[in-house]
Amino acid sequence: MALSKEQIKNVEDVLKASLRNKFQNYKPEPASMPFHTRLLGKDRLALYSFIHSLNTNFGTSIFEPVGLALAQKSFKMATSQATAGDHHISAGAQVEIQKIIDGLTTATISPDKKEEIERIRKVCQTGKMIKVKPTKVDLMFESQDGAYFLFDIKTAKPNAGGFKEFKRTLLEWAAVILANKPDAQINTFIAIPYNPYEPEPYTRWTMRGMLDLDNELKVADEFWDFLGGKNTYKDLLDCFERVGIELRGEIDNYFQRFNNK
């Protein structure tokens, strides 16, 4: 077992609180679907709508708080919805990031995160400091030795057309931190919380050419085991199952009431 009893309790408490909060604040879309309603029932339609709504913000309402609960024991600093740096980037870094993006887009260079970070580091304080508004960091950690780890949590099947902007976000996070701490060790990642293709390997080929798959992408167990240690992913799935069983009565009662309307 990777997770301690305390961590398991923390994760399960986060899950229960997140679901109960969702129940309290959830308001189904006021859409009339007479054929679906008569065929399936109001409760099943409400459940479908609820699941769709939950999927939309699963990252912020479930994955972020769970990831935070796991990481707080492993890292010196752990926070969610963080701001990287102080909203400034050097003109030199801005130009260098665009050169990297252009090179990857035209396939004149291959993604190499370590080399890209060093390219940005060399110019991280060169030229005028420009005020920017970087994308919020979903999860941000600092290890005991001072290294930074920043994660952008994406859906299980992200839009292939967005990979260029994903890459820009990862590079800008690095540049903003390096503007103040030019010697900092920076690691920025896209996180995919689960593999929708299991038991087959995750289809990563769509990201190849823009992301350094070994150093910019963590999928399923790679992500969760990084946060909590080996076998965390398996323990986490068990936590979700136990909470689902424990709350099944509450869930059934919540949706049954839609049949009474």
Protein backbone atom coordinates (compact mmCIF):
# COMPACT_ATOMS: atom_id res chain seq x y z
CA MET A 1 0.00 0.00 0.00
CA ALA A 2 1.40 3.39 -1.03
CA LEU A 3 -0.93 5.60 0.97
CA SER A 4 -0.97 5.81 4.75
CA LYS A 5 -4.24 5.44 6.69
CA GLU A 6 -4.15 9.19 7.28
CA GLN A 7 -3.76 9.93 3.56
CA ILE A 8 -6.56 7.52 2.66
CA LYS A 9 -8.85 9.21 5.17
CA ASN A 10 -7.91 12.65 3.82
CA VAL A 11 -8.58 11.59 0.22
CA GLU A 12 -11.91 9.97 1.08
CA ASP A 13 -12.97 13.01 3.12
CA VAL A 14 -12.14 15.24 0.13
CA LEU A 15 -14.21 13.03 -2.18
CA LYS A 16 -17.22 12.97 0.14
CA ALA A 17 -17.10 16.74 0.66
CA SER A 18 -16.77 17.37 -3.09
CA LEU A 19 -19.71 15.14 -4.00
CA ARG A 20 -21.96 16.47 -1.24
CA ASN A 21 -21.09 20.03 -2.21
CA LYS A 22 -21.98 19.19 -5.80
CA PHE A 23 -25.35 17.78 -4.72
CA GLN A 24 -26.12 20.90 -2.70
CA ASN A 25 -25.30 23.32 -5.48
CA TYR A 26 -26.27 21.33 -8.57
CA LYS A 27 -29.16 22.66 -10.62
CA PRO A 28 -30.10 20.59 -13.69
CA GLU A 29 -30.40 22.44 -16.97
CA PRO A 30 -34.07 23.40 -17.49
CA ALA A 31 -34.40 21.45 -20.74
CA SER A 32 -37.57 19.68 -21.77
CA MET A 33 -36.90 16.21 -23.19
CA PRO A 34 -40.35 14.56 -23.22
CA PHE A 35 -39.40 11.46 -25.20
CA HIS A 36 -36.27 10.75 -23.12
CA THR A 37 -38.16 11.42 -19.89
CA ARG A 38 -40.96 8.99 -20.69
CA LEU A 39 -38.56 6.33 -21.90
CA LEU A 40 -35.91 6.57 -19.15
CA GLY A 41 -37.50 8.42 -16.22
CA LYS A 42 -36.67 11.77 -14.64
CA ASP A 43 -34.19 10.27 -12.19
CA ARG A 44 -32.05 8.67 -14.91
CA LEU A 45 -32.09 11.85 -16.98
CA ALA A 46 -31.09 13.85 -13.89
CA LEU A 47 -28.26 11.37 -13.25
CA TYR A 48 -27.07 11.69 -16.86
CA SER A 49 -27.13 15.49 -16.59
CA PHE A 50 -25.31 15.35 -13.25
CA ILE A 51 -22.55 13.09 -14.61
CA HIS A 52 -22.10 15.37 -17.62
CA SER A 53 -21.81 18.38 -15.29
CA LEU A 54 -19.41 16.52 -13.01
CA ASN A 55 -17.20 15.54 -15.96
CA THR A 56 -16.98 19.18 -17.00
CA ASN A 57 -15.36 20.26 -13.74
CA PHE A 58 -13.96 16.97 -12.43
CA GLY A 59 -10.48 18.47 -12.58
CA THR A 60 -11.17 21.38 -10.23
CA SER A 61 -13.75 19.71 -7.98
CA ILE A 62 -12.14 16.26 -7.61
CA PHE A 63 -8.67 15.81 -9.10
CA GLU A 64 -7.12 19.05 -7.82
CA PRO A 65 -8.16 18.68 -4.16
CA VAL A 66 -7.27 14.96 -4.19
CA GLY A 67 -3.88 15.70 -5.76
CA LEU A 68 -3.28 18.41 -3.16
CA ALA A 69 -4.17 16.04 -0.31
CA LEU A 70 -1.69 13.47 -1.65
CA ALA A 71 1.16 15.89 -2.29
CA GLN A 72 1.09 17.79 1.00
CA LYS A 73 2.94 14.95 2.71
CA SER A 74 5.56 14.54 -0.02
CA PHE A 75 6.48 18.15 -0.82
CA LYS A 76 7.73 21.16 1.11
CA MET A 77 5.08 23.33 -0.54
CA ALA A 78 1.87 22.22 -2.27
CA THR A 79 -0.88 24.47 -3.60
CA SER A 80 -3.62 24.52 -6.23
CA GLN A 81 -4.82 27.24 -8.61
CA ALA A 82 -1.49 28.96 -8.08
CA THR A 83 0.15 31.82 -9.93
CA ALA A 84 3.59 31.10 -11.35
CA GLY A 85 6.04 33.86 -10.43
CA ASP A 86 5.03 37.52 -10.24
CA HIS A 87 3.40 38.04 -13.66
CA HIS A 88 6.56 39.20 -15.43
CA ILE A 89 8.59 37.65 -18.21
CA SER A 90 11.68 38.99 -19.94
CA ALA A 91 11.49 40.15 -23.54
CA GLY A 92 14.34 37.75 -24.30
CA ALA A 93 12.41 34.79 -22.88
CA GLN A 94 9.30 35.78 -24.80
CA VAL A 95 11.23 35.77 -28.08
CA GLU A 96 12.92 32.46 -27.21
CA ILE A 97 9.59 30.78 -26.43
CA GLN A 98 8.21 31.87 -29.80
CA LYS A 99 11.31 30.48 -31.53
CA ILE A 100 10.79 27.14 -29.78
CA ILE A 101 7.09 27.04 -30.72
CA ASP A 102 7.88 27.95 -34.34
CA GLY A 103 10.58 25.28 -34.53
CA LEU A 104 8.26 22.59 -33.18
CA THR A 105 5.38 23.67 -35.42
CA THR A 106 7.53 23.40 -38.55
CA ALA A 107 9.23 20.23 -37.26
CA THR A 108 12.69 21.78 -37.68
CA ILE A 109 13.40 20.83 -34.06
CA SER A 110 12.15 18.03 -31.81
CA PRO A 111 10.75 18.65 -28.31
CA ASP A 112 13.48 18.50 -25.67
CA LYS A 113 12.29 20.04 -22.43
CA LYS A 114 15.65 20.14 -20.69
CA GLU A 115 17.24 21.97 -23.61
CA GLU A 116 14.23 24.32 -23.90
CA ILE A 117 14.47 25.26 -20.21
CA GLU A 118 18.17 26.03 -20.59
CA ARG A 119 17.47 28.19 -23.65
CA ILE A 120 14.94 30.18 -21.62
CA ARG A 121 17.24 30.32 -18.59
CA LYS A 122 19.97 32.02 -20.66
CA VAL A 123 17.66 34.91 -21.54
CA CYS A 124 15.29 34.88 -18.54
CA GLN A 125 16.48 38.33 -17.41
CA THR A 126 17.45 39.74 -20.80
CA GLY A 127 15.69 42.88 -22.07
CA LYS A 128 12.65 44.63 -20.68
CA MET A 129 10.48 42.81 -18.14
CA ILE A 130 7.00 42.45 -19.65
CA LYS A 131 3.85 42.08 -17.55
CA VAL A 132 1.91 38.95 -18.50
CA LYS A 133 -1.04 36.99 -17.16
CA PRO A 134 0.04 33.35 -17.23
CA THR A 135 -2.52 30.56 -17.03
CA LYS A 136 -3.26 29.49 -13.46
CA VAL A 137 -1.29 26.45 -12.32
CA ASP A 138 -3.67 23.63 -11.38
CA LEU A 139 -1.17 22.06 -8.98
CA MET A 140 2.18 23.53 -7.95
CA PHE A 141 4.75 21.86 -5.68
CA GLU A 142 8.19 22.60 -4.33
CA SER A 143 10.32 19.61 -3.35
CA GLN A 144 12.51 19.40 -0.27
CA ASP A 145 15.55 20.32 -2.41
CA GLY A 146 13.84 23.40 -3.88
CA ALA A 147 12.80 22.07 -7.31
CA TYR A 148 9.46 23.26 -8.70
CA PHE A 149 6.80 21.03 -10.28
CA LEU A 150 3.85 22.64 -12.03
CA PHE A 151 0.92 20.70 -13.49
CA ASP A 152 -1.79 21.59 -15.97
CA ILE A 153 -4.53 18.94 -15.55
CA LYS A 154 -6.30 18.10 -18.80
CA THR A 155 -9.22 15.88 -19.74
CA ALA A 156 -8.52 12.26 -20.66
CA LYS A 157 -8.84 13.08 -24.37
CA PRO A 158 -7.58 16.64 -24.87
CA ASN A 159 -8.23 18.41 -28.15
CA ALA A 160 -5.25 17.77 -30.43
CA GLY A 161 -5.57 21.31 -31.78
CA GLY A 162 -4.69 22.74 -28.37
CA PHE A 163 -1.25 21.18 -27.95
CA LYS A 164 0.56 24.27 -29.22
CA GLU A 165 -1.05 26.40 -26.52
CA PHE A 166 -0.44 23.69 -23.91
CA LYS A 167 3.24 23.86 -24.81
CA ARG A 168 3.31 27.65 -24.65
CA THR A 169 1.73 27.56 -21.19
CA LEU A 170 4.38 25.13 -19.89
CA LEU A 171 7.21 27.27 -21.28
CA GLU A 172 5.73 30.54 -19.99
CA TRP A 173 5.38 29.11 -16.48
CA ALA A 174 9.08 28.28 -16.55
CA ALA A 175 10.01 31.73 -17.87
CA VAL A 176 7.96 33.58 -15.24
CA ILE A 177 9.60 31.69 -12.37
CA LEU A 178 13.08 32.00 -13.89
CA ALA A 179 12.63 35.77 -14.25
CA ASN A 180 12.92 36.00 -10.44
CA LYS A 181 14.88 32.82 -9.73
CA PRO A 182 17.21 32.24 -12.68
CA ASP A 183 18.86 29.24 -11.05
CA ALA A 184 15.62 27.47 -10.11
CA GLN A 185 15.00 23.91 -11.19
CA ILE A 186 11.70 23.97 -13.11
CA ASN A 187 9.54 21.04 -14.20
CA THR A 188 6.25 21.75 -15.97
CA PHE A 189 3.83 19.02 -17.05
CA ILE A 190 0.54 18.19 -18.67
CA ALA A 191 -1.28 15.67 -16.43
CA ILE A 192 -3.89 13.23 -17.73
CA PRO A 193 -5.56 11.71 -14.62
CA TYR A 194 -6.56 8.39 -16.21
CA ASN A 195 -6.06 6.38 -19.37
CA PRO A 196 -9.36 6.03 -21.28
CA TYR A 197 -7.77 3.35 -23.49
CA GLU A 198 -6.93 0.88 -20.73
CA PRO A 199 -5.77 -1.86 -20.90
CA GLU A 200 -4.15 -0.52 -24.06
CA PRO A 201 -1.38 2.09 -23.65
CA TYR A 202 -2.38 5.76 -23.77
CA THR A 203 -2.43 7.05 -27.35
CA ARG A 204 0.34 9.63 -27.09
CA TRP A 205 1.19 9.95 -30.75
CA THR A 206 -1.10 12.97 -31.13
CA MET A 207 1.14 14.90 -28.70
CA ARG A 208 4.42 13.80 -30.21
CA GLY A 209 6.14 16.62 -32.04
CA MET A 210 4.95 19.30 -29.62
CA LEU A 211 5.45 17.76 -26.16
CA ASP A 212 8.50 16.00 -24.77
CA LEU A 213 6.60 12.84 -23.79
CA ASP A 214 9.16 11.74 -21.19
CA ASN A 215 9.52 15.11 -19.48
CA GLU A 216 6.25 17.00 -20.05
CA LEU A 217 3.48 14.41 -19.80
CA LYS A 218 2.27 12.20 -16.97
CA VAL A 219 -0.70 9.89 -17.52
CA ALA A 220 -2.72 7.91 -14.95
CA ASP A 221 -0.38 6.01 -12.59
CA GLU A 222 2.61 8.11 -13.72
CA PHE A 223 0.85 11.19 -12.37
CA TRP A 224 -0.68 9.83 -9.17
CA ASP A 225 2.34 7.71 -8.23
CA PHE A 226 4.52 10.80 -8.65
CA LEU A 227 2.35 12.64 -6.11
CA GLY A 228 1.98 9.89 -3.52
CA GLY A 229 4.51 7.15 -4.26
CA LYS A 230 4.37 3.77 -5.98
CA ASN A 231 0.93 2.13 -6.14
CA THR A 232 -0.87 5.38 -5.26
CA TYR A 233 -3.01 5.08 -8.40
CA LYS A 234 -4.30 1.66 -7.34
CA ASP A 235 -4.96 2.85 -3.77
CA LEU A 236 -6.75 5.90 -5.13
CA LEU A 237 -9.13 3.82 -7.25
CA ASP A 238 -9.93 1.80 -4.12
CA CYS A 239 -10.69 5.07 -2.27
CA PHE A 240 -13.12 6.12 -5.00
CA GLU A 241 -14.82 2.72 -4.88
CA ARG A 242 -15.23 2.78 -1.09
CA VAL A 243 -16.66 6.30 -1.14
CA GLY A 244 -19.05 5.34 -3.95
CA ILE A 245 -20.31 2.36 -1.93
CA GLU A 246 -20.62 4.43 1.26
CA LEU A 247 -22.57 7.21 -0.46
CA ARG A 248 -24.69 4.99 -2.70
CA GLY A 249 -27.77 5.45 -0.53
CA GLU A 250 -27.35 9.25 -0.53
CA ILE A 251 -26.85 9.24 -4.30
CA ASP A 252 -29.91 7.05 -4.96
CA ASN A 253 -32.08 9.18 -2.66
CA TYR A 254 -30.89 12.38 -4.31
CA PHE A 255 -31.89 11.26 -7.80
CA GLN A 256 -35.06 9.46 -6.71
CA ARG A 257 -36.56 12.79 -5.71
CA PHE A 258 -36.61 13.87 -9.36
CA ASN A 259 -39.30 11.24 -9.98
CA ASN A 260 -41.51 13.03 -7.48
CA LYS A 261 -41.45 16.31 -9.38
